[in-house]
Amino acid sequence: MTKLPYPVLVSPLLPEDGGGFLATVPGLPGCMSDGETPQEAISNVGDAIASWIEAAQDMGRDIPPPSTVATLG
């Protein structure tokens, strides 16, 4: 498994929401992806992290440094 620079939270999606799993990155607001399995969601969120960082750079926004602990707000 690829080591991601930011902590990722994975949670199951309800069947009425399409099923599968949702991966969110608490350190990058709005950064998330999904997949049929937890592993697929984590793999997919790696691309979402890269896209989030690229978009933030394009807009001149600060990029939060990776933390070692996920926090819930």
N, C-alpha and C. Protein backbone atom coordinates (compact mmCIF):
# COMPACT_ATOMS: atom_id res chain seq x y z
N MET A 1 0.84 -1.18 0.00
CA MET A 1 0.00 0.00 0.00
C MET A 1 0.88 1.24 0.00
N THR A 2 0.48 2.23 -0.77
CA THR A 2 1.22 3.48 -0.87
C THR A 2 1.03 4.29 0.40
N LYS A 3 2.15 4.85 0.91
CA LYS A 3 2.04 5.71 2.08
C LYS A 3 1.61 7.10 1.61
N LEU A 4 0.52 7.59 2.19
CA LEU A 4 0.00 8.90 1.83
C LEU A 4 0.56 9.95 2.78
N PRO A 5 0.76 11.18 2.29
CA PRO A 5 1.36 12.21 3.13
C PRO A 5 0.42 12.75 4.22
N TYR A 6 -0.87 12.53 4.09
CA TYR A 6 -1.85 13.04 5.05
C TYR A 6 -2.66 11.87 5.63
N PRO A 7 -3.07 11.97 6.91
CA PRO A 7 -3.95 10.94 7.46
C PRO A 7 -5.27 10.90 6.69
N VAL A 8 -5.79 9.70 6.54
CA VAL A 8 -7.03 9.48 5.79
C VAL A 8 -8.00 8.71 6.66
N LEU A 9 -9.26 9.14 6.66
CA LEU A 9 -10.32 8.42 7.37
C LEU A 9 -11.16 7.68 6.33
N VAL A 10 -11.41 6.41 6.57
CA VAL A 10 -12.22 5.60 5.66
C VAL A 10 -13.47 5.16 6.39
N SER A 11 -14.62 5.35 5.75
CA SER A 11 -15.88 4.94 6.36
C SER A 11 -16.78 4.32 5.30
N PRO A 12 -17.63 3.38 5.72
CA PRO A 12 -18.54 2.76 4.74
C PRO A 12 -19.64 3.74 4.33
N LEU A 13 -20.05 3.62 3.09
CA LEU A 13 -21.19 4.39 2.58
C LEU A 13 -22.44 3.53 2.67
N LEU A 14 -23.56 4.14 2.96
CA LEU A 14 -24.83 3.42 3.04
C LEU A 14 -25.23 2.93 1.64
N PRO A 15 -25.96 1.83 1.58
CA PRO A 15 -26.41 1.33 0.26
C PRO A 15 -27.18 2.38 -0.53
N GLU A 16 -28.00 3.19 0.14
CA GLU A 16 -28.76 4.22 -0.58
C GLU A 16 -27.85 5.34 -1.11
N ASP A 17 -26.61 5.41 -0.62
CA ASP A 17 -25.63 6.37 -1.12
C ASP A 17 -24.70 5.73 -2.15
N GLY A 18 -25.01 4.53 -2.55
CA GLY A 18 -24.22 3.85 -3.57
C GLY A 18 -23.31 2.76 -3.04
N GLY A 19 -23.22 2.63 -1.72
CA GLY A 19 -22.37 1.59 -1.14
C GLY A 19 -20.90 1.92 -1.32
N GLY A 20 -20.06 0.98 -0.98
CA GLY A 20 -18.62 1.18 -1.06
C GLY A 20 -18.09 1.92 0.15
N PHE A 21 -16.99 2.62 -0.04
CA PHE A 21 -16.32 3.29 1.07
C PHE A 21 -15.90 4.70 0.66
N LEU A 22 -15.93 5.60 1.64
CA LEU A 22 -15.53 6.98 1.45
C LEU A 22 -14.22 7.22 2.19
N ALA A 23 -13.24 7.82 1.51
CA ALA A 23 -11.97 8.21 2.12
C ALA A 23 -11.92 9.73 2.15
N THR A 24 -11.74 10.29 3.35
CA THR A 24 -11.65 11.74 3.50
C THR A 24 -10.30 12.10 4.12
N VAL A 25 -9.85 13.31 3.81
CA VAL A 25 -8.57 13.81 4.31
C VAL A 25 -8.87 15.01 5.20
N PRO A 26 -8.93 14.81 6.53
CA PRO A 26 -9.30 15.91 7.42
C PRO A 26 -8.39 17.14 7.31
N GLY A 27 -7.13 16.94 6.99
CA GLY A 27 -6.19 18.06 6.89
C GLY A 27 -6.36 18.91 5.65
N LEU A 28 -7.14 18.41 4.67
CA LEU A 28 -7.36 19.13 3.42
C LEU A 28 -8.88 19.25 3.22
N PRO A 29 -9.49 20.31 3.69
CA PRO A 29 -10.95 20.44 3.64
C PRO A 29 -11.52 20.18 2.25
N GLY A 30 -12.50 19.29 2.20
CA GLY A 30 -13.18 18.96 0.95
C GLY A 30 -12.49 17.89 0.13
N CYS A 31 -11.32 17.42 0.58
CA CYS A 31 -10.57 16.41 -0.17
C CYS A 31 -11.10 15.03 0.20
N MET A 32 -11.63 14.32 -0.80
CA MET A 32 -12.20 13.00 -0.55
C MET A 32 -12.28 12.20 -1.84
N SER A 33 -12.48 10.91 -1.70
CA SER A 33 -12.71 10.04 -2.83
C SER A 33 -13.43 8.80 -2.31
N ASP A 34 -13.81 7.92 -3.22
CA ASP A 34 -14.49 6.71 -2.78
C ASP A 34 -13.98 5.51 -3.57
N GLY A 35 -14.49 4.34 -3.21
CA GLY A 35 -14.12 3.12 -3.90
C GLY A 35 -15.00 1.97 -3.43
N GLU A 36 -14.96 0.89 -4.16
CA GLU A 36 -15.76 -0.29 -3.80
C GLU A 36 -15.23 -0.96 -2.53
N THR A 37 -13.93 -0.86 -2.28
CA THR A 37 -13.32 -1.46 -1.09
C THR A 37 -12.56 -0.36 -0.35
N PRO A 38 -12.22 -0.59 0.92
CA PRO A 38 -11.42 0.41 1.63
C PRO A 38 -10.09 0.68 0.92
N GLN A 39 -9.46 -0.37 0.40
CA GLN A 39 -8.19 -0.22 -0.28
C GLN A 39 -8.33 0.63 -1.55
N GLU A 40 -9.41 0.43 -2.29
CA GLU A 40 -9.64 1.21 -3.50
C GLU A 40 -9.90 2.68 -3.15
N ALA A 41 -10.65 2.92 -2.09
CA ALA A 41 -10.91 4.30 -1.66
C ALA A 41 -9.61 5.00 -1.28
N ILE A 42 -8.73 4.29 -0.57
CA ILE A 42 -7.43 4.87 -0.18
C ILE A 42 -6.57 5.14 -1.41
N SER A 43 -6.55 4.21 -2.33
CA SER A 43 -5.79 4.39 -3.56
C SER A 43 -6.31 5.61 -4.34
N ASN A 44 -7.61 5.72 -4.44
CA ASN A 44 -8.22 6.84 -5.18
C ASN A 44 -7.99 8.18 -4.50
N VAL A 45 -7.95 8.19 -3.17
CA VAL A 45 -7.79 9.47 -2.47
C VAL A 45 -6.37 10.02 -2.67
N GLY A 46 -5.42 9.18 -3.02
CA GLY A 46 -4.08 9.67 -3.34
C GLY A 46 -4.12 10.64 -4.51
N ASP A 47 -4.92 10.32 -5.53
CA ASP A 47 -5.09 11.23 -6.67
C ASP A 47 -5.81 12.51 -6.24
N ALA A 48 -6.78 12.37 -5.34
CA ALA A 48 -7.53 13.53 -4.85
C ALA A 48 -6.61 14.48 -4.08
N ILE A 49 -5.69 13.93 -3.30
CA ILE A 49 -4.74 14.75 -2.56
C ILE A 49 -3.87 15.56 -3.53
N ALA A 50 -3.35 14.87 -4.55
CA ALA A 50 -2.51 15.56 -5.54
C ALA A 50 -3.30 16.67 -6.24
N SER A 51 -4.55 16.40 -6.60
CA SER A 51 -5.38 17.40 -7.27
C SER A 51 -5.69 18.57 -6.33
N TRP A 52 -5.96 18.27 -5.07
CA TRP A 52 -6.27 19.31 -4.08
C TRP A 52 -5.07 20.25 -3.95
N ILE A 53 -3.89 19.68 -3.80
CA ILE A 53 -2.67 20.49 -3.64
C ILE A 53 -2.42 21.33 -4.89
N GLU A 54 -2.57 20.74 -6.06
CA GLU A 54 -2.37 21.47 -7.31
C GLU A 54 -3.34 22.64 -7.44
N ALA A 55 -4.60 22.40 -7.10
CA ALA A 55 -5.61 23.47 -7.18
C ALA A 55 -5.28 24.58 -6.19
N ALA A 56 -4.87 24.23 -4.98
CA ALA A 56 -4.52 25.23 -3.97
C ALA A 56 -3.33 26.07 -4.45
N GLN A 57 -2.34 25.42 -5.04
CA GLN A 57 -1.19 26.16 -5.56
C GLN A 57 -1.61 27.10 -6.68
N ASP A 58 -2.47 26.63 -7.58
CA ASP A 58 -2.95 27.45 -8.69
C ASP A 58 -3.69 28.70 -8.19
N MET A 59 -4.37 28.57 -7.05
CA MET A 59 -5.13 29.69 -6.49
C MET A 59 -4.31 30.53 -5.52
N GLY A 60 -3.05 30.14 -5.31
CA GLY A 60 -2.19 30.88 -4.40
C GLY A 60 -2.53 30.69 -2.93
N ARG A 61 -3.18 29.59 -2.62
CA ARG A 61 -3.58 29.32 -1.23
C ARG A 61 -2.49 28.53 -0.50
N ASP A 62 -2.49 28.68 0.82
CA ASP A 62 -1.56 27.92 1.64
C ASP A 62 -1.95 26.45 1.66
N ILE A 63 -0.95 25.61 1.70
CA ILE A 63 -1.18 24.16 1.78
C ILE A 63 -0.80 23.73 3.19
N PRO A 64 -1.75 23.19 3.94
CA PRO A 64 -1.45 22.77 5.31
C PRO A 64 -0.39 21.67 5.30
N PRO A 65 0.54 21.72 6.25
CA PRO A 65 1.51 20.63 6.32
C PRO A 65 0.83 19.35 6.79
N PRO A 66 1.34 18.21 6.34
CA PRO A 66 0.77 16.94 6.81
C PRO A 66 0.93 16.82 8.32
N SER A 67 -0.06 16.24 8.96
CA SER A 67 0.04 15.96 10.38
C SER A 67 0.16 14.45 10.55
N THR A 68 0.53 14.04 11.73
CA THR A 68 0.63 12.60 11.99
C THR A 68 -0.61 12.07 12.68
N VAL A 69 -1.54 12.99 13.02
CA VAL A 69 -2.75 12.60 13.73
C VAL A 69 -3.95 13.22 13.03
N ALA A 70 -4.95 12.40 12.76
CA ALA A 70 -6.19 12.92 12.18
C ALA A 70 -7.02 13.52 13.31
N THR A 71 -7.58 14.70 13.06
CA THR A 71 -8.45 15.31 14.06
C THR A 71 -9.82 15.54 13.45
N LEU A 72 -10.82 15.40 14.26
CA LEU A 72 -12.19 15.63 13.82
C LEU A 72 -12.67 16.93 14.44
N GLY A 73 -13.29 17.77 13.63
CA GLY A 73 -13.73 19.06 14.12
C GLY A 73 -15.14 19.12 14.52
